[in-house]
Amino acid sequence: MATVSVITPFYDGNDHMKAWQGSICDNENYLRKMNDEKKTSHSIEVILVNDSPGIDPVLTGINSGKKNWHTIANPKNIGIHGSRVHGLSKAKGEYVLFLDQDDILRYDALYAFLEEAKKHEGEDAVIISNALIDLGNEKQKLVRTASHRALMWDFDTYIRVGTQIISPGQCLIKRSLIPDFWKENLLKENGSDDFFLWLLMMKNGVAGVFFDEPLYHHIDTGSNISADSSATDRSCFEFLDLLSGKEIMSEKEISTLRKTLSVKSRFRKGNALKKLLISMAHPMVVGTNVIYKAKTKTGYGFGRTAPGK
């Protein structure tokens, strides 16, 4: 038997609640069906963390006897990282999946995640699914090449290019593997607490198992935090400051990631001439990212949510 706790921060997100709740209900129903057919005993716990004082989430049926669905409220607005940690503190499942309010899961995602996790039960590993990126007029898998699959949990790529995971909704995580440092050092700036988590887990020796099924669906609403590169960069610099001097990452690793973020931020914002000058001044950073994009055939080298070409 395995239980997964789905933890979702809510912030002024009632426009998304119908799709979010429908997605989880579909997964709950499929899990129940497969438990009957396959004689498994998987279960779901749902924790919605209200980080939007004065606005209550509008859900249907959540209080009608569904004891595994919980809504908890932060006493004040504390951001995505704090909300995830608050939800985690209430979670009972052996596994955790952090799902954003504006993203959904494939109807069979949680069953597929838990079945894959069974194959790695004795390992310290996070299960990483592929993702379907929905840009409205275009839908595309995040990972489409063998080269990219090989880099989904590669520390050097994470500090020289960036995180390969678009959202923690792609990941089934053993609750026991989530580092105390992540739970105790909350980021004030939204956007990169997941990147922070992956780096800490890698440094703790946690492995990444890539599961090539698009179980997680990222919907580009135009207002996703992950689409705001400036906010994400500020959030990254915040966790790098927290890591400095803690002997979790070396100062060289911290400096490398700081330089990667800084150069890529200026490159994204620059005109053609500015991009050329930045490339000449920082050939290693720009060259590494250009080679990455060519090998992986993805648009995620310079912008976190740009469509792949």
Protein backbone atom coordinates (compact mmCIF):
# COMPACT_ATOMS: atom_id res chain seq x y z
CA MET A 1 0.00 0.00 0.00
CA ALA A 2 1.22 3.49 -0.80
CA THR A 3 -0.34 6.89 -0.21
CA VAL A 4 0.55 10.03 -2.14
CA SER A 5 -0.18 13.45 -0.66
CA VAL A 6 -1.02 15.99 -3.38
CA ILE A 7 -0.16 19.44 -1.98
CA THR A 8 -1.37 22.57 -3.79
CA PRO A 9 -0.88 26.21 -2.73
CA PHE A 10 -3.95 28.32 -3.50
CA TYR A 11 -3.69 32.03 -4.24
CA ASP A 12 -6.66 33.82 -5.80
CA GLY A 13 -7.05 30.77 -7.99
CA ASN A 14 -10.76 30.06 -8.27
CA ASP A 15 -10.58 30.32 -12.06
CA HIS A 16 -8.44 27.17 -11.95
CA MET A 17 -10.20 25.16 -9.28
CA LYS A 18 -12.70 23.34 -11.51
CA ALA A 19 -9.96 21.91 -13.74
CA TRP A 20 -7.64 21.23 -10.78
CA GLN A 21 -10.31 19.41 -8.79
CA GLY A 22 -11.52 17.50 -11.84
CA SER A 23 -7.99 16.31 -12.54
CA ILE A 24 -7.52 14.99 -9.02
CA CYS A 25 -10.99 13.40 -8.93
CA ASP A 26 -10.22 11.62 -12.22
CA ASN A 27 -7.01 10.29 -10.66
CA GLU A 28 -8.80 9.25 -7.50
CA ASN A 29 -11.44 7.35 -9.50
CA TYR A 30 -8.82 5.67 -11.68
CA LEU A 31 -6.79 4.68 -8.63
CA ARG A 32 -9.88 3.12 -7.06
CA LYS A 33 -10.64 1.23 -10.28
CA MET A 34 -7.09 -0.13 -10.57
CA ASN A 35 -7.04 -1.10 -6.90
CA ASP A 36 -10.07 -3.29 -7.64
CA GLU A 37 -8.67 -4.73 -10.87
CA LYS A 38 -5.04 -5.18 -9.87
CA LYS A 39 -5.64 -5.85 -6.16
CA THR A 40 -3.41 -2.91 -5.23
CA SER A 41 -4.17 -0.61 -2.30
CA HIS A 42 -2.89 2.83 -3.31
CA SER A 43 -4.57 5.94 -1.94
CA ILE A 44 -4.57 9.74 -2.28
CA GLU A 45 -4.52 12.52 0.26
CA VAL A 46 -5.31 16.02 -1.04
CA ILE A 47 -4.09 19.12 0.81
CA LEU A 48 -5.07 22.55 -0.53
CA VAL A 49 -3.17 25.32 1.24
CA ASN A 50 -5.00 28.66 1.16
CA ASP A 51 -2.39 31.43 0.92
CA SER A 52 -4.97 34.00 -0.14
CA PRO A 53 -6.38 35.69 2.99
CA GLY A 54 -9.96 36.86 2.41
CA ILE A 55 -10.53 34.59 -0.60
CA ASP A 56 -11.81 31.06 -0.02
CA PRO A 57 -11.30 28.38 -2.65
CA VAL A 58 -14.55 27.40 -4.38
CA LEU A 59 -14.75 23.63 -4.62
CA THR A 60 -17.58 21.17 -5.00
CA GLY A 61 -17.96 18.19 -2.73
CA ILE A 62 -14.79 18.80 -0.75
CA ASN A 63 -16.68 18.82 2.56
CA SER A 64 -19.17 16.08 1.72
CA GLY A 65 -17.56 13.21 3.58
CA LYS A 66 -14.25 13.10 1.69
CA LYS A 67 -11.99 12.63 4.69
CA ASN A 68 -8.88 12.47 2.53
CA TRP A 69 -9.42 16.02 1.19
CA HIS A 70 -8.23 18.86 3.42
CA THR A 71 -8.18 22.64 3.10
CA ILE A 72 -5.82 24.44 5.45
CA ALA A 73 -5.16 28.18 5.66
CA ASN A 74 -2.00 30.15 6.24
CA PRO A 75 -2.48 32.86 8.90
CA LYS A 76 -1.10 35.35 6.37
CA ASN A 77 0.26 35.32 2.83
CA ILE A 78 3.60 33.49 2.99
CA GLY A 79 4.23 32.52 -0.64
CA ILE A 80 4.53 29.26 -2.53
CA HIS A 81 7.50 27.78 -0.65
CA GLY A 82 5.98 28.43 2.77
CA SER A 83 2.63 27.05 1.60
CA ARG A 84 4.22 23.87 0.30
CA VAL A 85 6.05 23.37 3.59
CA HIS A 86 2.85 24.06 5.57
CA GLY A 87 1.04 21.45 3.50
CA LEU A 88 3.95 19.04 3.91
CA SER A 89 3.75 19.39 7.70
CA LYS A 90 0.17 18.03 7.54
CA ALA A 91 0.86 15.28 4.99
CA LYS A 92 0.53 11.64 5.95
CA GLY A 93 1.51 10.01 2.66
CA GLU A 94 4.79 8.19 2.10
CA TYR A 95 5.01 10.12 -1.16
CA VAL A 96 4.38 13.78 -1.98
CA LEU A 97 3.47 15.51 -5.23
CA PHE A 98 3.48 19.32 -5.27
CA LEU A 99 0.91 20.40 -7.87
CA ASP A 100 0.31 24.05 -8.78
CA GLN A 101 -3.26 25.37 -8.86
CA ASP A 102 -3.11 26.10 -12.60
CA ASP A 103 -1.69 22.74 -13.67
CA ILE A 104 -3.28 19.32 -13.99
CA LEU A 105 -2.36 15.64 -14.05
CA ARG A 106 -3.22 13.04 -16.65
CA TYR A 107 -6.18 10.94 -15.48
CA ASP A 108 -3.92 7.97 -14.56
CA ALA A 109 -0.87 9.91 -13.37
CA LEU A 110 -0.91 9.06 -9.67
CA TYR A 111 -1.39 5.34 -10.29
CA ALA A 112 1.41 5.37 -12.88
CA PHE A 113 3.71 7.29 -10.52
CA LEU A 114 3.07 4.89 -7.62
CA GLU A 115 3.55 1.81 -9.78
CA GLU A 116 6.86 3.19 -11.05
CA ALA A 117 7.88 4.02 -7.46
CA LYS A 118 7.29 0.38 -6.48
CA LYS A 119 10.11 -0.61 -8.85
CA HIS A 120 12.49 1.66 -6.90
CA GLU A 121 11.13 1.05 -3.41
CA GLY A 122 14.51 0.38 -1.83
CA GLU A 123 16.22 3.36 -3.47
CA ASP A 124 16.58 6.99 -2.46
CA ALA A 125 15.07 8.28 -5.67
CA VAL A 126 12.64 10.87 -7.01
CA ILE A 127 10.42 9.73 -9.91
CA ILE A 128 10.39 12.34 -12.70
CA SER A 129 7.77 12.14 -15.42
CA ASN A 130 7.80 13.77 -18.81
CA ALA A 131 5.54 16.82 -19.16
CA LEU A 132 3.08 18.04 -21.75
CA ILE A 133 3.44 21.76 -22.32
CA ASP A 134 0.15 23.35 -23.38
CA LEU A 135 0.72 26.72 -25.05
CA GLY A 136 -2.86 27.05 -26.31
CA ASN A 137 -2.13 26.71 -30.02
CA GLU A 138 0.56 24.09 -29.52
CA LYS A 139 1.10 21.08 -27.26
CA GLN A 140 4.50 19.54 -26.96
CA LYS A 141 6.41 17.14 -24.76
CA LEU A 142 9.09 18.75 -22.66
CA VAL A 143 11.58 15.92 -23.19
CA ARG A 144 11.89 14.65 -26.74
CA THR A 145 15.47 13.41 -27.14
CA ALA A 146 17.75 10.83 -25.51
CA SER A 147 20.25 13.62 -24.82
CA HIS A 148 17.67 15.53 -22.80
CA ARG A 149 16.52 12.43 -20.91
CA ALA A 150 20.11 11.89 -19.78
CA LEU A 151 20.26 15.40 -18.30
CA MET A 152 17.00 15.42 -16.35
CA TRP A 153 18.81 14.87 -13.05
CA ASP A 154 22.35 16.00 -13.81
CA PHE A 155 23.88 18.39 -11.29
CA ASP A 156 26.39 19.95 -13.70
CA THR A 157 23.58 20.75 -16.16
CA TYR A 158 21.52 22.31 -13.36
CA ILE A 159 24.25 24.77 -12.44
CA ARG A 160 25.45 25.50 -16.00
CA VAL A 161 22.09 25.57 -17.81
CA GLY A 162 19.33 25.47 -15.20
CA THR A 163 16.68 23.18 -13.80
CA GLN A 164 15.34 20.58 -16.21
CA ILE A 165 12.08 20.14 -14.30
CA ILE A 166 9.46 22.70 -15.25
CA SER A 167 7.39 22.07 -12.12
CA PRO A 168 7.40 19.77 -9.07
CA GLY A 169 4.09 18.44 -10.45
CA GLN A 170 6.35 16.25 -12.62
CA CYS A 171 7.82 14.57 -9.58
CA LEU A 172 6.80 11.93 -7.08
CA ILE A 173 8.95 12.44 -4.00
CA LYS A 174 9.45 10.22 -0.97
CA ARG A 175 8.43 12.47 1.89
CA SER A 176 11.33 11.21 4.01
CA LEU A 177 13.85 12.45 1.41
CA ILE A 178 12.81 16.12 1.57
CA PRO A 179 15.73 17.92 3.27
CA ASP A 180 15.25 19.75 6.57
CA PHE A 181 17.27 22.66 5.16
CA TRP A 182 14.57 23.21 2.52
CA LYS A 183 11.79 23.05 5.11
CA GLU A 184 13.56 25.42 7.49
CA ASN A 185 14.78 28.07 5.03
CA LEU A 186 11.75 29.49 3.26
CA LEU A 187 12.16 31.68 0.20
CA LYS A 188 10.30 34.98 0.28
CA GLU A 189 10.46 35.37 -3.51
CA ASN A 190 8.29 32.95 -5.49
CA GLY A 191 9.66 31.00 -8.42
CA SER A 192 12.52 28.67 -7.55
CA ASP A 193 11.87 26.78 -4.32
CA ASP A 194 11.58 23.66 -6.50
CA PHE A 195 15.02 24.30 -8.08
CA PHE A 196 16.34 24.82 -4.53
CA LEU A 197 14.83 21.46 -3.54
CA TRP A 198 16.32 19.55 -6.48
CA LEU A 199 19.83 20.87 -5.81
CA LEU A 200 19.61 19.95 -2.11
CA MET A 201 18.35 16.46 -2.93
CA MET A 202 21.12 15.91 -5.46
CA LYS A 203 23.74 16.98 -2.93
CA ASN A 204 22.16 14.53 -0.45
CA GLY A 205 22.76 11.71 -2.92
CA VAL A 206 19.14 11.27 -4.03
CA ALA A 207 18.87 9.73 -7.50
CA GLY A 208 16.50 10.82 -10.25
CA VAL A 209 14.52 8.21 -12.19
CA PHE A 210 13.09 9.56 -15.44
CA PHE A 211 9.72 8.04 -16.41
CA ASP A 212 9.00 8.87 -20.04
CA GLU A 213 5.25 9.43 -19.78
CA PRO A 214 3.71 12.96 -19.94
CA LEU A 215 1.81 12.53 -16.67
CA TYR A 216 1.99 16.22 -15.79
CA HIS A 217 0.33 18.90 -17.95
CA HIS A 218 1.67 22.45 -17.69
CA ILE A 219 -0.82 25.00 -18.96
CA ASP A 220 0.70 28.33 -19.97
CA THR A 221 -1.76 30.86 -18.55
CA GLY A 222 0.50 33.84 -19.18
CA SER A 223 0.64 34.47 -15.44
CA ASN A 224 2.54 31.38 -14.28
CA ILE A 225 5.29 32.21 -11.81
CA SER A 226 7.66 29.99 -13.82
CA ALA A 227 7.13 32.23 -16.85
CA ASP A 228 8.40 35.31 -14.99
CA SER A 229 12.14 35.01 -15.53
CA SER A 230 13.02 38.07 -13.44
CA ALA A 231 11.10 36.79 -10.39
CA THR A 232 12.58 33.32 -10.82
CA ASP A 233 16.10 34.77 -11.02
CA ARG A 234 15.58 36.79 -7.84
CA SER A 235 14.30 33.68 -6.12
CA CYS A 236 17.37 31.72 -7.27
CA PHE A 237 19.74 34.40 -5.98
CA GLU A 238 17.87 34.25 -2.67
CA PHE A 239 18.51 30.53 -2.20
CA LEU A 240 22.12 30.90 -3.34
CA ASP A 241 22.62 33.45 -0.56
CA LEU A 242 21.12 30.94 1.88
CA LEU A 243 23.48 28.21 0.67
CA SER A 244 26.61 30.36 0.82
CA GLY A 245 28.91 29.23 3.61
CA LYS A 246 26.76 26.21 4.56
CA GLU A 247 29.02 23.55 2.99
CA ILE A 248 26.06 22.02 1.17
CA MET A 249 27.20 23.28 -2.22
CA SER A 250 30.77 24.41 -2.76
CA GLU A 251 31.43 28.11 -3.25
CA LYS A 252 32.60 27.28 -6.77
CA GLU A 253 29.28 25.58 -7.55
CA ILE A 254 27.34 28.50 -6.09
CA SER A 255 29.45 30.96 -8.10
CA THR A 256 28.94 28.94 -11.29
CA LEU A 257 25.15 28.94 -10.94
CA ARG A 258 25.11 32.62 -9.98
CA LYS A 259 27.08 33.48 -13.12
CA THR A 260 24.85 31.25 -15.29
CA LEU A 261 21.72 33.00 -14.03
CA SER A 262 23.19 36.48 -14.38
CA VAL A 263 24.51 36.00 -17.92
CA LYS A 264 21.34 34.31 -19.16
CA SER A 265 19.16 37.00 -17.62
CA ARG A 266 21.08 39.75 -19.43
CA PHE A 267 21.11 37.71 -22.65
CA ARG A 268 17.31 37.24 -22.61
CA LYS A 269 16.73 40.96 -22.13
CA GLY A 270 19.27 42.17 -24.68
CA ASN A 271 18.83 43.20 -28.31
CA ALA A 272 20.86 41.51 -31.06
CA LEU A 273 23.96 43.65 -30.44
CA LYS A 274 23.79 43.15 -26.67
CA LYS A 275 23.45 39.39 -27.15
CA LEU A 276 26.55 39.39 -29.36
CA LEU A 277 28.56 41.37 -26.81
CA ILE A 278 27.43 39.08 -23.97
CA SER A 279 28.40 36.03 -26.04
CA MET A 280 31.86 37.47 -26.63
CA ALA A 281 32.30 38.35 -22.94
CA HIS A 282 31.01 35.00 -21.62
CA PRO A 283 31.72 32.38 -24.31
CA MET A 284 31.67 29.42 -21.89
CA VAL A 285 28.24 30.19 -20.43
CA VAL A 286 26.61 31.04 -23.75
CA GLY A 287 28.38 28.22 -25.60
CA THR A 288 27.30 25.63 -23.03
CA ASN A 289 23.68 26.72 -23.37
CA VAL A 290 23.77 26.82 -27.18
CA ILE A 291 25.22 23.28 -27.28
CA TYR A 292 22.58 22.16 -24.77
CA LYS A 293 19.77 23.56 -26.92
CA ALA A 294 21.16 21.91 -30.07
CA LYS A 295 21.56 18.49 -28.44
CA THR A 296 18.25 18.44 -26.56
CA LYS A 297 16.16 20.18 -29.24
CA THR A 298 14.43 22.23 -26.60
CA GLY A 299 13.69 25.91 -26.09
CA TYR A 300 14.47 25.66 -22.39
CA GLY A 301 18.11 26.73 -22.63
CA PHE A 302 17.52 30.44 -22.14
CA GLY A 303 13.85 30.75 -21.21
CA ARG A 304 12.24 28.37 -18.74
CA THR A 305 8.91 28.05 -20.50
CA ALA A 306 9.66 28.87 -24.13
CA PRO A 307 8.31 26.36 -26.67
CA GLY A 308 10.91 23.96 -28.03
CA LYS A 309 11.91 24.25 -31.68
